Amino acid sequence: MRQAIQKQGLEINVMAFGFKYGMPLDADLVFDVRCFPNPFYIDELKHKTGNDKEVQDYVMSFPKSVTFMEKLEDFMEFMIPLYIEEGKFLLQSQSVVQAVNTEVLL
């Protein structure tokens, strides 16, 4: 799953991946979220992706997921201006997910 974000001339690509196929070599930032509840192990969510509202609702129903997102947003709000100041125009962000069939956008 990929999501591109344009912010002040800096393109941010967010992608979920599974370690089963190896870590992407072009990642600037990698966030390992395998410690979060995995919707792959819920029968009705197993064949869905992070693009499905049911998966998003499940993952974000846990306080640690909400806290992670708040802290990640704070971190990125701090870092993005620094990347722009440094002249960076592309930022590749990767999130590790436990199950290859279930990609969760966090």
C-alpha atoms as a PDB file:
ATOM      1  CA  MET A   1       0.000   0.000   0.000  1.00  0.00           C
ATOM      2  CA  ARG A   2       1.398   3.370  -0.973  1.00  0.00           C
ATOM      3  CA  GLN A   3       0.231   6.837  -0.146  1.00  0.00           C
ATOM      4  CA  ALA A   4       1.889   9.979  -1.486  1.00  0.00           C
ATOM      5  CA  ILE A   5       1.666  13.286   0.357  1.00  0.00           C
ATOM      6  CA  GLN A   6       2.886  16.641  -0.983  1.00  0.00           C
ATOM      7  CA  LYS A   7       3.917  19.168   1.682  1.00  0.00           C
ATOM      8  CA  GLN A   8       5.689  22.416   0.856  1.00  0.00           C
ATOM      9  CA  GLY A   9       7.600  20.948  -2.072  1.00  0.00           C
ATOM     10  CA  LEU A  10       8.503  17.759  -0.185  1.00  0.00           C
ATOM     11  CA  GLU A  11       6.918  14.561  -1.505  1.00  0.00           C
ATOM     12  CA  ILE A  12       6.302  11.959   1.198  1.00  0.00           C
ATOM     13  CA  ASN A  13       5.675   8.356   0.148  1.00  0.00           C
ATOM     14  CA  VAL A  14       4.194   6.095   2.815  1.00  0.00           C
ATOM     15  CA  MET A  15       4.209   2.357   2.197  1.00  0.00           C
ATOM     16  CA  ALA A  16       3.360  -0.697   4.282  1.00  0.00           C
ATOM     17  CA  PHE A  17       5.396  -3.854   3.817  1.00  0.00           C
ATOM     18  CA  GLY A  18       6.070  -7.212   5.438  1.00  0.00           C
ATOM     19  CA  PHE A  19       9.528  -8.377   6.516  1.00  0.00           C
ATOM     20  CA  LYS A  20       8.788 -11.683   4.771  1.00  0.00           C
ATOM     21  CA  TYR A  21       9.884 -10.038   1.504  1.00  0.00           C
ATOM     22  CA  GLY A  22      12.662  -7.950   3.031  1.00  0.00           C
ATOM     23  CA  MET A  23      12.899  -4.343   4.061  1.00  0.00           C
ATOM     24  CA  PRO A  24      12.729  -1.776   1.230  1.00  0.00           C
ATOM     25  CA  LEU A  25      16.222  -0.472   0.555  1.00  0.00           C
ATOM     26  CA  ASP A  26      15.055   3.027  -0.400  1.00  0.00           C
ATOM     27  CA  ALA A  27      13.358   3.802   2.936  1.00  0.00           C
ATOM     28  CA  ASP A  28      14.383   7.006   4.711  1.00  0.00           C
ATOM     29  CA  LEU A  29      12.253   6.173   7.746  1.00  0.00           C
ATOM     30  CA  VAL A  30      10.950   2.787   8.897  1.00  0.00           C
ATOM     31  CA  PHE A  31       8.378   2.344  11.647  1.00  0.00           C
ATOM     32  CA  ASP A  32       7.980  -1.190  12.978  1.00  0.00           C
ATOM     33  CA  VAL A  33       4.355  -1.544  14.080  1.00  0.00           C
ATOM     34  CA  ARG A  34       4.325  -5.328  14.533  1.00  0.00           C
ATOM     35  CA  CYS A  35       3.640  -4.721  18.239  1.00  0.00           C
ATOM     36  CA  PHE A  36       0.104  -3.545  17.407  1.00  0.00           C
ATOM     37  CA  PRO A  37      -2.942  -5.830  17.192  1.00  0.00           C
ATOM     38  CA  ASN A  38      -2.963  -7.473  13.776  1.00  0.00           C
ATOM     39  CA  PRO A  39      -6.301  -7.604  11.923  1.00  0.00           C
ATOM     40  CA  PHE A  40      -4.991 -10.543   9.871  1.00  0.00           C
ATOM     41  CA  TYR A  41      -5.834 -12.799  12.816  1.00  0.00           C
ATOM     42  CA  ILE A  42      -9.474 -11.665  12.894  1.00  0.00           C
ATOM     43  CA  ASP A  43     -11.447 -13.914  10.516  1.00  0.00           C
ATOM     44  CA  GLU A  44     -13.713 -11.189   9.126  1.00  0.00           C
ATOM     45  CA  LEU A  45     -10.736  -8.844   8.531  1.00  0.00           C
ATOM     46  CA  LYS A  46      -8.175 -11.368   7.305  1.00  0.00           C
ATOM     47  CA  HIS A  47      -8.724 -10.733   3.584  1.00  0.00           C
ATOM     48  CA  LYS A  48      -9.154  -6.965   3.829  1.00  0.00           C
ATOM     49  CA  THR A  49      -6.498  -4.261   3.646  1.00  0.00           C
ATOM     50  CA  GLY A  50      -5.741  -1.065   5.523  1.00  0.00           C
ATOM     51  CA  ASN A  51      -7.816   0.743   2.898  1.00  0.00           C
ATOM     52  CA  ASP A  52     -10.948  -0.890   4.331  1.00  0.00           C
ATOM     53  CA  LYS A  53     -12.713   1.111   7.034  1.00  0.00           C
ATOM     54  CA  GLU A  54     -13.293  -2.021   9.136  1.00  0.00           C
ATOM     55  CA  VAL A  55      -9.527  -2.623   9.370  1.00  0.00           C
ATOM     56  CA  GLN A  56      -8.833   1.021  10.165  1.00  0.00           C
ATOM     57  CA  ASP A  57     -11.515   1.047  12.864  1.00  0.00           C
ATOM     58  CA  TYR A  58     -10.149  -2.163  14.395  1.00  0.00           C
ATOM     59  CA  VAL A  59      -6.545  -0.945  14.528  1.00  0.00           C
ATOM     60  CA  MET A  60      -7.476   2.506  15.819  1.00  0.00           C
ATOM     61  CA  SER A  61      -9.772   1.064  18.503  1.00  0.00           C
ATOM     62  CA  PHE A  62      -6.670   0.357  20.608  1.00  0.00           C
ATOM     63  CA  PRO A  63      -5.320   3.252  22.718  1.00  0.00           C
ATOM     64  CA  LYS A  64      -1.707   2.428  21.805  1.00  0.00           C
ATOM     65  CA  SER A  65      -2.533   2.889  18.109  1.00  0.00           C
ATOM     66  CA  VAL A  66      -4.037   6.309  18.789  1.00  0.00           C
ATOM     67  CA  THR A  67      -1.047   7.285  20.943  1.00  0.00           C
ATOM     68  CA  PHE A  68       1.368   6.086  18.255  1.00  0.00           C
ATOM     69  CA  MET A  69      -0.377   8.194  15.620  1.00  0.00           C
ATOM     70  CA  GLU A  70      -0.315  11.284  17.840  1.00  0.00           C
ATOM     71  CA  LYS A  71       3.400  10.843  18.535  1.00  0.00           C
ATOM     72  CA  LEU A  72       4.194  10.087  14.887  1.00  0.00           C
ATOM     73  CA  GLU A  73       2.308  13.182  13.731  1.00  0.00           C
ATOM     74  CA  ASP A  74       4.199  15.283  16.288  1.00  0.00           C
ATOM     75  CA  PHE A  75       7.517  13.782  15.153  1.00  0.00           C
ATOM     76  CA  MET A  76       6.746  14.398  11.477  1.00  0.00           C
ATOM     77  CA  GLU A  77       5.563  17.970  12.112  1.00  0.00           C
ATOM     78  CA  PHE A  78       8.960  18.592  13.730  1.00  0.00           C
ATOM     79  CA  MET A  79      11.021  16.765  11.083  1.00  0.00           C
ATOM     80  CA  ILE A  80       9.385  17.884   7.822  1.00  0.00           C
ATOM     81  CA  PRO A  81      10.571  21.507   8.049  1.00  0.00           C
ATOM     82  CA  LEU A  82      14.077  20.239   8.805  1.00  0.00           C
ATOM     83  CA  TYR A  83      14.038  17.989   5.738  1.00  0.00           C
ATOM     84  CA  ILE A  84      12.796  20.902   3.602  1.00  0.00           C
ATOM     85  CA  GLU A  85      15.466  23.210   5.068  1.00  0.00           C
ATOM     86  CA  GLU A  86      18.086  20.604   4.158  1.00  0.00           C
ATOM     87  CA  GLY A  87      16.836  20.601   0.548  1.00  0.00           C
ATOM     88  CA  LYS A  88      15.294  17.151   0.618  1.00  0.00           C
ATOM     89  CA  PHE A  89      12.470  16.779  -1.902  1.00  0.00           C
ATOM     90  CA  LEU A  90      11.493  13.123  -1.414  1.00  0.00           C
ATOM     91  CA  LEU A  91      10.939  11.198   1.815  1.00  0.00           C
ATOM     92  CA  GLN A  92      10.206   7.470   1.771  1.00  0.00           C
ATOM     93  CA  SER A  93       8.458   6.260   4.913  1.00  0.00           C
ATOM     94  CA  GLN A  94       7.803   2.559   5.461  1.00  0.00           C
ATOM     95  CA  SER A  95       5.659   0.856   8.093  1.00  0.00           C
ATOM     96  CA  VAL A  96       6.230  -2.783   8.894  1.00  0.00           C
ATOM     97  CA  VAL A  97       3.093  -4.876   9.217  1.00  0.00           C
ATOM     98  CA  GLN A  98       2.884  -8.416  10.549  1.00  0.00           C
ATOM     99  CA  ALA A  99       0.752  -9.966   7.849  1.00  0.00           C
ATOM    100  CA  VAL A 100       1.554  -9.635   4.185  1.00  0.00           C
ATOM    101  CA  ASN A 101      -2.125  -9.923   3.179  1.00  0.00           C
ATOM    102  CA  THR A 102      -3.254  -7.170   5.539  1.00  0.00           C
ATOM    103  CA  GLU A 103      -1.692  -3.764   5.031  1.00  0.00           C
ATOM    104  CA  VAL A 104      -2.495  -1.237   7.708  1.00  0.00           C
ATOM    105  CA  LEU A 105      -2.031   2.450   7.077  1.00  0.00           C
ATOM    106  CA  LEU A 106      -0.961   3.996  10.361  1.00  0.00           C
END
